[in-house]
Amino acid sequence: MPTPETILPPHLARYVVPQDYGDYTPRDQAVWRHILTRLTAHLKDRAHPSYLEGLAAAGIGVEAIPSLEEMDARLATIGWRAVGVRGFIPPAVFTEMQSLGVLAIAADIRSADHIGYTPAPDIVHESAGHAPILADPHYAQYVKRCGVAGFKAIASREDQAVYEAVRHLSVVKEDPASSPEDAALAQARLAAAQASRTYVSESTRASRLYWWTAEYGLVGSLDDPRIYGAGILSSLGEAAHCLTPEVERVPLSLDCVDRDFDITTMQPRLYVARDFGHLFEVLDAFEATLSWKRGGLHGLREALRSGTVNHLVLDTGLEVTGRVARRVAGIVALDGPVQVSRGGRALGPPWLGQALVAFGSGALPETGAFALELPGGVRVSGFRLGGGEVIDLKGASGTGPLDLPSRALLFLAGKLPSVAGGPADAEAWDRHFGGGPPGDAERLARQRKAGSLPPDLAALYEEVATLRRRGEAAPERLREIRAALAAFPGDWLLAQEIEELLTPAASHELDDPEDP
């Protein structure tokens, strides 16, 4: 079977990391057992019917952290794949993978200190939350389409600042070397980034739709809904909290894209879909608002204020990627670098200068000298080298200054059917301008977390896990281990696991304290 890394294009595959299964500590395995034991018991009559069936279908058990290789093989039978990533990956990368039917799973696992809830992506959330419901083909198609909408939506420069702040906060929360002051500063950075937003971008609205459905969605009746959102299915705290009277439940509607969320705390209000078909109704309505679908002046305005790289789809079939910098009358100027493509395939290396797109009648010669009056009365003359390249542009009178460069790409078009986020050929763009995948901070935090487990305590965790796997009662030895834990007064997790083995009838209901 081909590996996911060979299926993904290189600009996405470079975010894939090995699971390094041997790096999970015995306490990490105990964290998994603790969460999954309680979640499966609690969600039996509360989750969507596909959930428990999907756990087995995806190769997810209670006793051990799942193998991503096995999960990938299981998901491949239903048209999906699974790859390991490190922490928060850029939203455009996550959504493009999703649109291709590839589930990006954070290979790390939360610490015991954040066992009830963590804002950081981890293997509990992605594998035990997202993967099982993909067994429902109708819902799986919705998730893919959400990926397309998120990938096509236009993001702003401010969105990037928020992403970086969220990623930093998630690392700090899971790094044992972080101090309370570090956490407070990271929280303040996120608050500042969110407060600096001057408008709500299409990408932000797309993330809200995904959050209130695929992450925190309920389905069924308002009085007795079932859980299908991965954020709830993978959180001890949220699973216990979401169906209580403290949470307001409202019917799902397009209004959800106008409601922000806080990833650092439990949600006070949730949206309930009538059924999975209802999700497509709301998604259809949302897509109709996007520049990807609307194009025209609406799309130009959205791209102009975003300050980010987007691409214009011309009615000639060409796609022009760049940062929309100015619009004067019927002329749009894009700052370089500029990529020209057709059908999503780059036609050559990027042009490092500016590009002009003029909307109106007229035609350029294949090559040679020309003189042309553009919309708004702007006259230009020059020499076309071919492929749209023009030299010696000379601006004349017109409606407002266009500040024409001496050398640019010039394209004529009648209409603008679509304006979408990011480059039209992401792989070609990435070859020239892409950087390395994020992950160093997450990797170092993981190493410090593993190193914070004393060897003597790790040995006790491993011994208890072995007794559990073998089904051995061994009450005397368990009591000896419990007594040895006096040397580790802050470690509650192993003591609780021992107590449950000594008292098999102990409840696995969700009685953990909230840990936002």
Protein backbone atom coordinates (compact mmCIF):
# COMPACT_ATOMS: atom_id res chain seq x y z
CA MET A 1 0.00 0.00 0.00
CA PRO A 2 1.39 3.45 -0.87
CA THR A 3 2.29 5.54 2.17
CA PRO A 4 0.48 8.84 2.83
CA GLU A 5 3.75 10.69 2.24
CA THR A 6 3.79 9.38 -1.35
CA ILE A 7 0.11 10.27 -1.86
CA LEU A 8 0.43 13.83 -0.58
CA PRO A 9 2.12 16.45 -2.77
CA PRO A 10 5.55 17.50 -1.43
CA HIS A 11 4.37 20.84 -0.02
CA LEU A 12 2.04 18.90 2.31
CA ALA A 13 4.18 15.80 2.82
CA ARG A 14 6.94 17.85 4.47
CA TYR A 15 4.64 18.39 7.45
CA VAL A 16 4.35 14.64 8.03
CA VAL A 17 6.38 13.27 10.96
CA PRO A 18 6.98 9.69 12.15
CA GLN A 19 4.97 8.62 15.16
CA ASP A 20 8.05 7.39 17.05
CA TYR A 21 5.86 5.03 19.06
CA GLY A 22 8.70 4.05 21.38
CA ASP A 23 8.93 7.65 22.61
CA TYR A 24 5.61 7.40 24.45
CA THR A 25 6.31 6.96 28.15
CA PRO A 26 4.45 4.48 30.38
CA ARG A 27 2.64 7.50 31.85
CA ASP A 28 1.57 8.57 28.35
CA GLN A 29 0.01 5.14 27.89
CA ALA A 30 -1.75 5.53 31.24
CA VAL A 31 -3.13 8.90 30.14
CA TRP A 32 -4.58 7.22 27.05
CA ARG A 33 -6.11 4.36 29.09
CA HIS A 34 -7.58 6.78 31.62
CA ILE A 35 -9.25 8.94 28.97
CA LEU A 36 -10.47 6.18 26.65
CA THR A 37 -11.82 4.01 29.46
CA ARG A 38 -13.97 6.86 30.71
CA LEU A 39 -14.95 8.25 27.34
CA THR A 40 -16.16 4.94 25.92
CA ALA A 41 -18.20 4.28 29.07
CA HIS A 42 -19.67 7.77 29.19
CA LEU A 43 -20.33 8.14 25.46
CA LYS A 44 -22.01 4.77 24.99
CA ASP A 45 -25.49 6.31 25.08
CA ARG A 46 -24.54 9.92 24.37
CA ALA A 47 -22.48 9.82 21.16
CA HIS A 48 -23.76 9.43 17.62
CA PRO A 49 -24.26 5.70 16.87
CA SER A 50 -21.34 5.74 14.43
CA TYR A 51 -18.88 6.59 17.18
CA LEU A 52 -18.35 3.30 19.05
CA GLU A 53 -18.50 1.31 15.82
CA GLY A 54 -16.01 3.69 14.28
CA LEU A 55 -13.50 3.25 17.11
CA ALA A 56 -13.06 -0.41 16.25
CA ALA A 57 -13.16 0.24 12.52
CA ALA A 58 -10.33 2.77 12.85
CA GLY A 59 -8.15 0.45 14.94
CA ILE A 60 -8.56 2.40 18.17
CA GLY A 61 -8.62 0.49 21.46
CA VAL A 62 -8.74 1.39 25.13
CA GLU A 63 -5.56 -0.25 26.33
CA ALA A 64 -2.85 1.44 24.24
CA ILE A 65 -2.15 4.52 22.16
CA PRO A 66 -3.05 3.53 18.60
CA SER A 67 -0.51 2.90 15.89
CA LEU A 68 -0.87 5.54 13.16
CA GLU A 69 0.31 2.99 10.61
CA GLU A 70 -2.54 0.66 11.57
CA MET A 71 -5.03 3.54 11.65
CA ASP A 72 -3.94 4.57 8.16
CA ALA A 73 -4.48 1.03 6.86
CA ARG A 74 -7.94 0.86 8.46
CA LEU A 75 -9.01 4.29 7.20
CA ALA A 76 -7.79 3.44 3.70
CA THR A 77 -10.63 0.92 3.44
CA ILE A 78 -13.16 3.78 3.72
CA GLY A 79 -11.34 6.20 1.41
CA TRP A 80 -9.31 8.13 3.98
CA ARG A 81 -5.69 8.16 5.08
CA ALA A 82 -3.93 9.17 8.32
CA VAL A 83 -0.60 10.91 8.79
CA GLY A 84 1.28 12.11 11.86
CA VAL A 85 2.04 15.81 12.32
CA ARG A 86 3.56 17.86 15.12
CA GLY A 87 1.27 20.26 16.96
CA PHE A 88 -0.71 22.98 15.19
CA ILE A 89 0.04 23.00 11.47
CA PRO A 90 -0.93 26.01 9.30
CA PRO A 91 -4.69 26.11 8.66
CA ALA A 92 -4.21 26.02 4.88
CA VAL A 93 -2.14 22.83 5.22
CA PHE A 94 -4.66 21.18 7.53
CA THR A 95 -7.64 22.04 5.32
CA GLU A 96 -5.93 21.01 2.09
CA MET A 97 -5.05 17.63 3.60
CA GLN A 98 -8.63 17.31 4.76
CA SER A 99 -9.95 18.14 1.29
CA LEU A 100 -7.82 15.26 -0.03
CA GLY A 101 -9.25 12.84 2.52
CA VAL A 102 -6.12 12.77 4.70
CA LEU A 103 -6.56 13.09 8.46
CA ALA A 104 -3.66 14.96 10.07
CA ILE A 105 -3.12 13.48 13.53
CA ALA A 106 -0.94 15.21 16.10
CA ALA A 107 1.40 12.44 17.22
CA ASP A 108 1.92 13.87 20.72
CA ILE A 109 -0.35 13.16 23.68
CA ARG A 110 -1.50 15.55 26.40
CA SER A 111 0.08 15.52 29.83
CA ALA A 112 -1.62 14.13 32.91
CA ASP A 113 -1.96 17.71 34.17
CA HIS A 114 -4.28 18.50 31.23
CA ILE A 115 -6.05 15.18 31.05
CA GLY A 116 -9.56 16.64 31.09
CA TYR A 117 -9.05 19.25 28.39
CA THR A 118 -6.13 20.68 26.43
CA PRO A 119 -6.07 23.33 23.70
CA ALA A 120 -3.11 21.56 22.10
CA PRO A 121 -3.71 19.09 19.26
CA ASP A 122 -2.93 15.57 20.39
CA ILE A 123 -3.47 11.97 19.40
CA VAL A 124 -6.47 11.64 21.70
CA HIS A 125 -8.32 14.44 19.95
CA GLU A 126 -7.53 13.47 16.38
CA SER A 127 -7.74 9.68 16.61
CA ALA A 128 -10.41 9.14 19.25
CA GLY A 129 -12.31 12.27 18.22
CA HIS A 130 -12.25 12.70 14.45
CA ALA A 131 -11.42 9.26 13.06
CA PRO A 132 -14.36 7.18 14.38
CA ILE A 133 -17.13 9.34 12.88
CA LEU A 134 -15.48 9.15 9.45
CA ALA A 135 -16.93 5.65 9.27
CA ASP A 136 -20.21 7.39 8.39
CA PRO A 137 -19.79 8.07 4.64
CA HIS A 138 -22.23 11.01 4.64
CA TYR A 139 -20.38 12.75 7.44
CA ALA A 140 -16.97 11.91 5.92
CA GLN A 141 -18.01 13.72 2.74
CA TYR A 142 -18.99 16.75 4.79
CA VAL A 143 -15.55 16.86 6.41
CA LYS A 144 -13.87 16.74 2.99
CA ARG A 145 -16.05 19.56 1.71
CA CYS A 146 -15.29 21.61 4.82
CA GLY A 147 -11.64 21.16 3.93
CA VAL A 148 -12.24 22.52 0.43
CA ALA A 149 -14.13 25.55 1.76
CA GLY A 150 -11.44 26.24 4.35
CA PHE A 151 -8.67 25.89 1.78
CA LYS A 152 -10.38 28.21 -0.72
CA ALA A 153 -11.37 30.86 1.86
CA ILE A 154 -9.26 34.03 1.94
CA ALA A 155 -7.17 34.49 5.08
CA SER A 156 -5.77 37.75 6.40
CA ARG A 157 -2.40 38.74 7.77
CA GLU A 158 -4.13 39.08 11.13
CA ASP A 159 -5.21 35.42 10.94
CA GLN A 160 -1.55 34.45 10.68
CA ALA A 161 -0.76 36.34 13.89
CA VAL A 162 -3.60 34.55 15.70
CA TYR A 163 -2.43 31.16 14.39
CA GLU A 164 1.11 31.78 15.63
CA ALA A 165 -0.21 32.86 19.04
CA VAL A 166 -2.48 29.81 19.36
CA ARG A 167 0.37 27.51 18.39
CA HIS A 168 2.67 29.15 20.92
CA LEU A 169 0.07 28.88 23.69
CA SER A 170 -0.49 25.19 22.98
CA VAL A 171 3.25 24.49 23.21
CA VAL A 172 3.63 26.43 26.46
CA LYS A 173 0.67 24.64 28.04
CA GLU A 174 2.21 21.22 27.37
CA ASP A 175 5.85 22.08 28.14
CA PRO A 176 6.87 21.10 31.70
CA ALA A 177 9.64 23.70 31.54
CA SER A 178 7.11 26.51 31.16
CA SER A 179 6.37 28.68 34.18
CA PRO A 180 3.02 30.24 35.13
CA GLU A 181 4.49 33.51 33.87
CA ASP A 182 5.20 31.90 30.48
CA ALA A 183 1.59 30.69 30.28
CA ALA A 184 0.26 34.13 31.22
CA LEU A 185 2.41 35.81 28.57
CA ALA A 186 1.31 33.28 25.94
CA GLN A 187 -2.32 33.87 26.87
CA ALA A 188 -1.79 37.64 26.66
CA ARG A 189 -0.16 37.26 23.24
CA LEU A 190 -3.20 35.39 21.96
CA ALA A 191 -5.58 37.96 23.41
CA ALA A 192 -3.59 40.77 21.77
CA ALA A 193 -3.55 39.00 18.40
CA GLN A 194 -7.30 38.44 18.54
CA ALA A 195 -7.94 42.05 19.59
CA SER A 196 -5.82 43.32 16.68
CA ARG A 197 -8.19 41.89 14.09
CA THR A 198 -9.79 44.72 12.14
CA TYR A 199 -12.33 42.49 10.39
CA VAL A 200 -13.49 38.89 10.27
CA SER A 201 -11.92 37.13 7.29
CA GLU A 202 -13.43 34.35 5.21
CA SER A 203 -10.88 31.95 6.69
CA THR A 204 -11.93 32.86 10.23
CA ARG A 205 -15.59 32.31 9.35
CA ALA A 206 -14.71 28.93 7.79
CA SER A 207 -12.87 27.92 10.97
CA ARG A 208 -15.92 28.87 13.03
CA LEU A 209 -18.19 26.68 10.90
CA TYR A 210 -15.79 23.77 11.34
CA TRP A 211 -15.51 24.42 15.09
CA TRP A 212 -19.26 24.53 15.74
CA THR A 213 -19.89 21.40 13.65
CA ALA A 214 -16.98 18.96 13.24
CA GLU A 215 -15.33 19.99 16.52
CA TYR A 216 -18.19 20.87 18.87
CA GLY A 217 -21.34 19.71 17.12
CA LEU A 218 -24.40 17.95 18.49
CA VAL A 219 -26.97 16.19 16.31
CA GLY A 220 -30.62 15.22 16.83
CA SER A 221 -33.27 16.98 18.87
CA LEU A 222 -32.56 19.99 21.07
CA ASP A 223 -33.86 18.11 24.10
CA ASP A 224 -31.93 14.89 23.55
CA PRO A 225 -29.05 15.38 21.08
CA ARG A 226 -26.13 13.07 20.38
CA ILE A 227 -22.46 14.08 20.28
CA TYR A 228 -20.49 13.96 17.04
CA GLY A 229 -17.96 16.81 17.42
CA ALA A 230 -14.38 15.60 17.92
CA GLY A 231 -13.60 18.27 20.50
CA ILE A 232 -16.29 16.83 22.76
CA LEU A 233 -15.70 13.17 21.93
CA SER A 234 -12.05 13.48 22.94
CA SER A 235 -12.43 15.61 26.08
CA LEU A 236 -13.36 14.22 29.48
CA GLY A 237 -14.39 17.68 30.62
CA GLU A 238 -16.44 18.62 27.55
CA ALA A 239 -18.12 15.21 27.31
CA ALA A 240 -19.36 15.59 30.89
CA HIS A 241 -20.24 19.26 30.48
CA CYS A 242 -21.90 19.52 27.06
CA LEU A 243 -25.31 18.02 27.87
CA THR A 244 -25.78 19.72 31.23
CA PRO A 245 -28.21 22.60 31.82
CA GLU A 246 -25.20 24.93 31.98
CA VAL A 247 -24.81 24.69 28.19
CA GLU A 248 -27.23 26.52 25.92
CA ARG A 249 -28.25 24.48 22.88
CA VAL A 250 -29.54 26.17 19.73
CA PRO A 251 -30.44 24.91 16.23
CA LEU A 252 -27.56 24.94 13.77
CA SER A 253 -27.72 27.78 11.25
CA LEU A 254 -25.36 29.92 9.21
CA ASP A 255 -25.30 32.29 12.18
CA CYS A 256 -22.61 30.05 13.69
CA VAL A 257 -19.95 31.60 11.42
CA ASP A 258 -20.53 34.91 13.19
CA ARG A 259 -19.95 33.45 16.65
CA ASP A 260 -16.37 33.36 17.91
CA PHE A 261 -14.99 30.71 20.25
CA ASP A 262 -12.35 30.42 22.95
CA ILE A 263 -10.13 27.35 22.67
CA THR A 264 -8.87 27.69 26.24
CA THR A 265 -12.16 26.98 27.98
CA MET A 266 -15.28 24.82 27.73
CA GLN A 267 -18.02 26.03 25.45
CA PRO A 268 -21.11 27.65 26.99
CA ARG A 269 -23.25 27.35 23.83
CA LEU A 270 -23.49 24.57 21.26
CA TYR A 271 -25.28 24.15 17.93
CA VAL A 272 -27.49 21.14 17.22
CA ALA A 273 -27.85 19.81 13.66
CA ARG A 274 -31.11 18.12 12.75
CA ASP A 275 -29.12 15.32 11.05
CA PHE A 276 -25.96 15.09 8.97
CA GLY A 277 -27.88 16.30 5.92
CA HIS A 278 -28.46 19.55 7.81
CA LEU A 279 -24.68 20.10 7.82
CA PHE A 280 -24.62 20.23 4.02
CA GLU A 281 -27.43 22.78 3.96
CA VAL A 282 -25.43 25.15 6.14
CA LEU A 283 -22.20 24.44 4.27
CA ASP A 284 -23.89 25.21 0.93
CA ALA A 285 -25.12 28.52 2.31
CA PHE A 286 -21.67 29.36 3.63
CA GLU A 287 -19.88 28.51 0.39
CA ALA A 288 -22.20 30.89 -1.47
CA THR A 289 -20.74 33.77 0.58
CA LEU A 290 -17.12 33.03 -0.32
CA SER A 291 -15.11 34.92 -2.94
CA TRP A 292 -14.18 31.52 -4.34
CA LYS A 293 -17.81 31.22 -5.47
CA ARG A 294 -18.71 34.89 -5.94
CA GLY A 295 -15.64 36.32 -7.66
CA GLY A 296 -16.04 39.79 -9.18
CA LEU A 297 -15.78 43.01 -7.23
CA HIS A 298 -16.64 41.24 -3.97
CA GLY A 299 -13.67 38.91 -4.36
CA LEU A 300 -11.31 41.75 -5.27
CA ARG A 301 -12.30 43.73 -2.19
CA GLU A 302 -11.79 40.69 0.03
CA ALA A 303 -8.37 39.96 -1.46
CA LEU A 304 -7.31 43.62 -1.27
CA ARG A 305 -8.02 44.01 2.42
CA SER A 306 -6.54 40.63 3.34
CA GLY A 307 -2.97 41.64 2.55
CA THR A 308 -2.17 38.01 1.73
CA VAL A 309 -1.38 35.94 -1.36
CA ASN A 310 -4.49 34.87 -3.25
CA HIS A 311 -5.30 33.98 -6.83
CA LEU A 312 -7.62 35.50 -9.41
CA VAL A 313 -9.33 33.14 -11.83
CA LEU A 314 -9.86 34.97 -15.13
CA ASP A 315 -12.53 34.11 -17.68
CA THR A 316 -9.69 33.44 -20.15
CA GLY A 317 -8.80 30.34 -18.15
CA LEU A 318 -5.65 31.85 -16.66
CA GLU A 319 -5.06 32.11 -12.92
CA VAL A 320 -2.92 34.93 -11.54
CA THR A 321 -1.47 34.47 -8.04
CA GLY A 322 -0.09 37.35 -6.02
CA ARG A 323 -0.95 39.95 -3.42
CA VAL A 324 -3.67 42.32 -4.64
CA ALA A 325 -2.22 45.75 -3.88
CA ARG A 326 -4.37 48.30 -5.72
CA ARG A 327 -7.53 48.62 -7.75
CA VAL A 328 -8.17 51.63 -9.98
CA ALA A 329 -11.28 51.62 -12.16
CA GLY A 330 -11.11 48.37 -14.10
CA ILE A 331 -7.44 47.67 -13.41
CA VAL A 332 -6.04 45.53 -10.61
CA ALA A 333 -2.38 45.61 -9.62
CA LEU A 334 -0.77 42.63 -7.91
CA ASP A 335 2.57 42.90 -6.15
CA GLY A 336 5.11 40.24 -6.86
CA PRO A 337 6.02 37.54 -6.77
CA VAL A 338 3.32 36.59 -9.27
CA GLN A 339 2.56 33.10 -10.52
CA VAL A 340 0.63 32.43 -13.73
CA SER A 341 -1.16 29.12 -14.06
CA ARG A 342 -3.90 27.32 -15.93
CA GLY A 343 -6.02 24.56 -14.44
CA GLY A 344 -4.03 24.78 -11.23
CA ARG A 345 -0.69 24.11 -12.98
CA ALA A 346 1.99 26.80 -13.10
CA LEU A 347 3.02 27.85 -16.62
CA GLY A 348 6.54 28.77 -15.61
CA PRO A 349 8.62 30.16 -12.77
CA PRO A 350 7.13 33.01 -10.72
CA TRP A 351 7.50 36.57 -11.98
CA LEU A 352 9.15 38.66 -9.26
CA GLY A 353 7.68 41.96 -10.36
CA GLN A 354 4.15 43.32 -10.54
CA ALA A 355 1.19 42.19 -12.62
CA LEU A 356 -1.77 44.14 -13.97
CA VAL A 357 -5.15 42.66 -14.77
CA ALA A 358 -7.37 44.93 -16.87
CA PHE A 359 -11.07 44.16 -17.25
CA GLY A 360 -12.74 45.33 -20.45
CA SER A 361 -12.49 44.95 -24.21
CA GLY A 362 -9.27 44.90 -26.17
CA ALA A 363 -6.55 42.48 -27.08
CA LEU A 364 -2.79 42.23 -26.94
CA PRO A 365 -0.64 41.01 -29.82
CA GLU A 366 1.13 37.72 -29.38
CA THR A 367 4.43 39.63 -29.51
CA GLY A 368 5.58 43.05 -30.51
CA ALA A 369 4.75 46.69 -29.90
CA PHE A 370 1.28 47.80 -28.82
CA ALA A 371 -0.69 50.79 -27.61
CA LEU A 372 -3.88 50.21 -25.63
CA GLU A 373 -6.49 52.21 -23.79
CA LEU A 374 -7.50 50.38 -20.63
CA PRO A 375 -10.67 50.84 -18.58
CA GLY A 376 -10.91 54.21 -16.84
CA GLY A 377 -9.09 55.97 -19.67
CA VAL A 378 -5.62 54.73 -18.73
CA ARG A 379 -3.41 54.40 -21.80
CA VAL A 380 -0.40 52.14 -21.91
CA SER A 381 2.12 51.31 -24.57
CA GLY A 382 4.92 48.83 -24.61
CA PHE A 383 6.30 45.72 -26.16
CA ARG A 384 4.93 42.27 -25.47
CA LEU A 385 7.50 39.52 -25.17
CA GLY A 386 4.88 36.78 -24.92
CA GLY A 387 3.03 35.10 -22.08
CA GLY A 388 1.73 38.44 -20.87
CA GLU A 389 5.10 40.10 -20.20
CA VAL A 390 5.29 43.78 -21.12
CA ILE A 391 8.23 46.16 -20.98
CA ASP A 392 8.43 49.97 -21.06
CA LEU A 393 4.91 50.54 -19.80
CA LYS A 394 3.99 54.22 -19.93
CA GLY A 395 1.07 55.47 -17.84
CA ALA A 396 -0.98 58.27 -19.30
CA SER A 397 -4.10 60.05 -18.14
CA GLY A 398 -6.69 58.08 -16.28
CA THR A 399 -8.91 57.86 -13.24
CA GLY A 400 -6.45 58.10 -10.38
CA PRO A 401 -2.77 57.19 -10.33
CA LEU A 402 -1.89 53.57 -11.01
CA ASP A 403 1.86 53.97 -10.54
CA LEU A 404 2.66 51.75 -13.49
CA PRO A 405 5.99 49.94 -13.31
CA SER A 406 8.42 49.96 -16.20
CA ARG A 407 8.08 46.21 -16.53
CA ALA A 408 5.12 44.06 -15.57
CA LEU A 409 2.82 41.25 -16.57
CA LEU A 410 -0.35 42.50 -18.23
CA PHE A 411 -3.53 40.44 -18.63
CA LEU A 412 -6.84 41.36 -20.20
CA ALA A 413 -10.06 39.73 -19.08
CA GLY A 414 -13.77 40.24 -19.39
CA LYS A 415 -14.87 38.80 -16.05
CA LEU A 416 -13.50 37.47 -12.79
CA PRO A 417 -15.39 34.26 -11.95
CA SER A 418 -13.46 33.47 -8.77
CA VAL A 419 -10.99 34.82 -6.22
CA ALA A 420 -9.64 32.21 -3.84
CA GLY A 421 -7.18 31.99 -0.98
CA GLY A 422 -3.55 31.04 -1.51
CA PRO A 423 -1.73 30.23 -4.76
CA ALA A 424 -3.49 28.41 -7.58
CA ASP A 425 -0.58 25.95 -7.80
CA ALA A 426 0.44 25.53 -4.16
CA GLU A 427 3.13 22.99 -4.96
CA ALA A 428 4.93 25.21 -7.51
CA TRP A 429 4.65 28.21 -5.20
CA ASP A 430 6.03 26.21 -2.28
CA ARG A 431 9.08 25.11 -4.27
CA HIS A 432 10.14 28.73 -4.56
CA PHE A 433 8.82 30.38 -1.41
CA GLY A 434 7.96 27.65 1.09
CA GLY A 435 9.77 27.26 4.38
CA GLY A 436 10.30 24.33 6.68
CA PRO A 437 7.42 22.85 8.66
CA PRO A 438 6.90 24.09 12.21
CA GLY A 439 7.69 21.60 14.91
CA ASP A 440 10.92 22.36 16.73
CA ALA A 441 9.14 23.94 19.70
CA GLU A 442 6.67 21.06 19.87
CA ARG A 443 9.45 18.47 19.53
CA LEU A 444 11.49 20.02 22.34
CA ALA A 445 8.43 20.24 24.59
CA ARG A 446 7.75 16.55 23.95
CA GLN A 447 11.32 15.64 24.85
CA ARG A 448 11.18 17.65 28.08
CA LYS A 449 7.85 16.07 28.99
CA ALA A 450 9.29 12.57 28.49
CA GLY A 451 12.38 13.52 30.48
CA SER A 452 10.29 14.78 33.38
CA LEU A 453 9.18 11.22 34.23
CA PRO A 454 11.62 9.75 36.80
CA PRO A 455 12.89 6.28 35.78
CA ASP A 456 11.70 4.70 39.05
CA LEU A 457 8.19 6.06 38.51
CA ALA A 458 8.23 4.96 34.85
CA ALA A 459 9.06 1.43 35.99
CA LEU A 460 6.08 1.42 38.34
CA TYR A 461 3.77 2.60 35.55
CA GLU A 462 5.09 -0.14 33.30
CA GLU A 463 4.64 -2.83 35.93
CA VAL A 464 1.03 -1.84 36.59
CA ALA A 465 0.33 -1.77 32.84
CA THR A 466 1.78 -5.28 32.51
CA LEU A 467 -0.42 -6.60 35.34
CA ARG A 468 -3.41 -4.96 33.70
CA ARG A 469 -2.67 -6.50 30.29
CA ARG A 470 -2.23 -9.96 31.82
CA GLY A 471 -5.41 -9.66 33.83
CA GLU A 472 -3.52 -10.51 37.02
CA ALA A 473 -5.10 -9.37 40.29
CA ALA A 474 -1.85 -9.33 42.34
CA PRO A 475 -3.42 -7.22 45.10
CA GLU A 476 -0.40 -7.48 47.40
CA ARG A 477 1.99 -6.20 44.74
CA LEU A 478 -0.41 -3.42 43.75
CA ARG A 479 -0.56 -2.26 47.36
CA GLU A 480 3.23 -2.30 47.52
CA ILE A 481 3.39 -0.13 44.40
CA ARG A 482 0.78 2.20 45.87
CA ALA A 483 2.90 2.57 49.00
CA ALA A 484 5.97 3.30 46.85
CA LEU A 485 4.10 6.22 45.30
CA ALA A 486 4.64 8.12 48.55
CA ALA A 487 7.96 9.14 46.99
CA PHE A 488 6.02 10.82 44.15
CA PRO A 489 3.28 12.80 45.93
CA GLY A 490 2.21 14.78 42.85
CA ASP A 491 1.48 11.75 40.68
CA TRP A 492 -2.23 10.95 41.06
CA LEU A 493 -2.77 9.03 37.82
CA LEU A 494 -1.00 5.78 38.73
CA ALA A 495 -2.59 5.77 42.19
CA GLN A 496 -6.01 5.99 40.57
CA GLU A 497 -5.23 3.21 38.11
CA ILE A 498 -4.09 0.97 40.99
CA GLU A 499 -7.28 1.73 42.91
CA GLU A 500 -9.39 0.74 39.92
CA LEU A 501 -7.51 -2.56 39.57
CA LEU A 502 -7.98 -3.27 43.27
CA THR A 503 -11.67 -2.33 43.00
CA PRO A 504 -12.83 -3.60 39.59
CA ALA A 505 -16.34 -2.28 40.12
CA ALA A 506 -15.05 1.29 40.42
CA SER A 507 -16.99 3.72 38.26
CA HIS A 508 -15.41 5.06 35.11
CA GLU A 509 -17.83 7.95 34.82
CA LEU A 510 -16.42 11.37 34.09
CA ASP A 511 -15.72 12.66 37.56
CA ASP A 512 -12.45 14.43 36.72
CA PRO A 513 -12.19 18.09 37.63
CA GLU A 514 -12.45 20.53 34.77
CA ASP A 515 -9.04 21.43 33.40
CA PRO A 516 -9.39 24.18 30.81
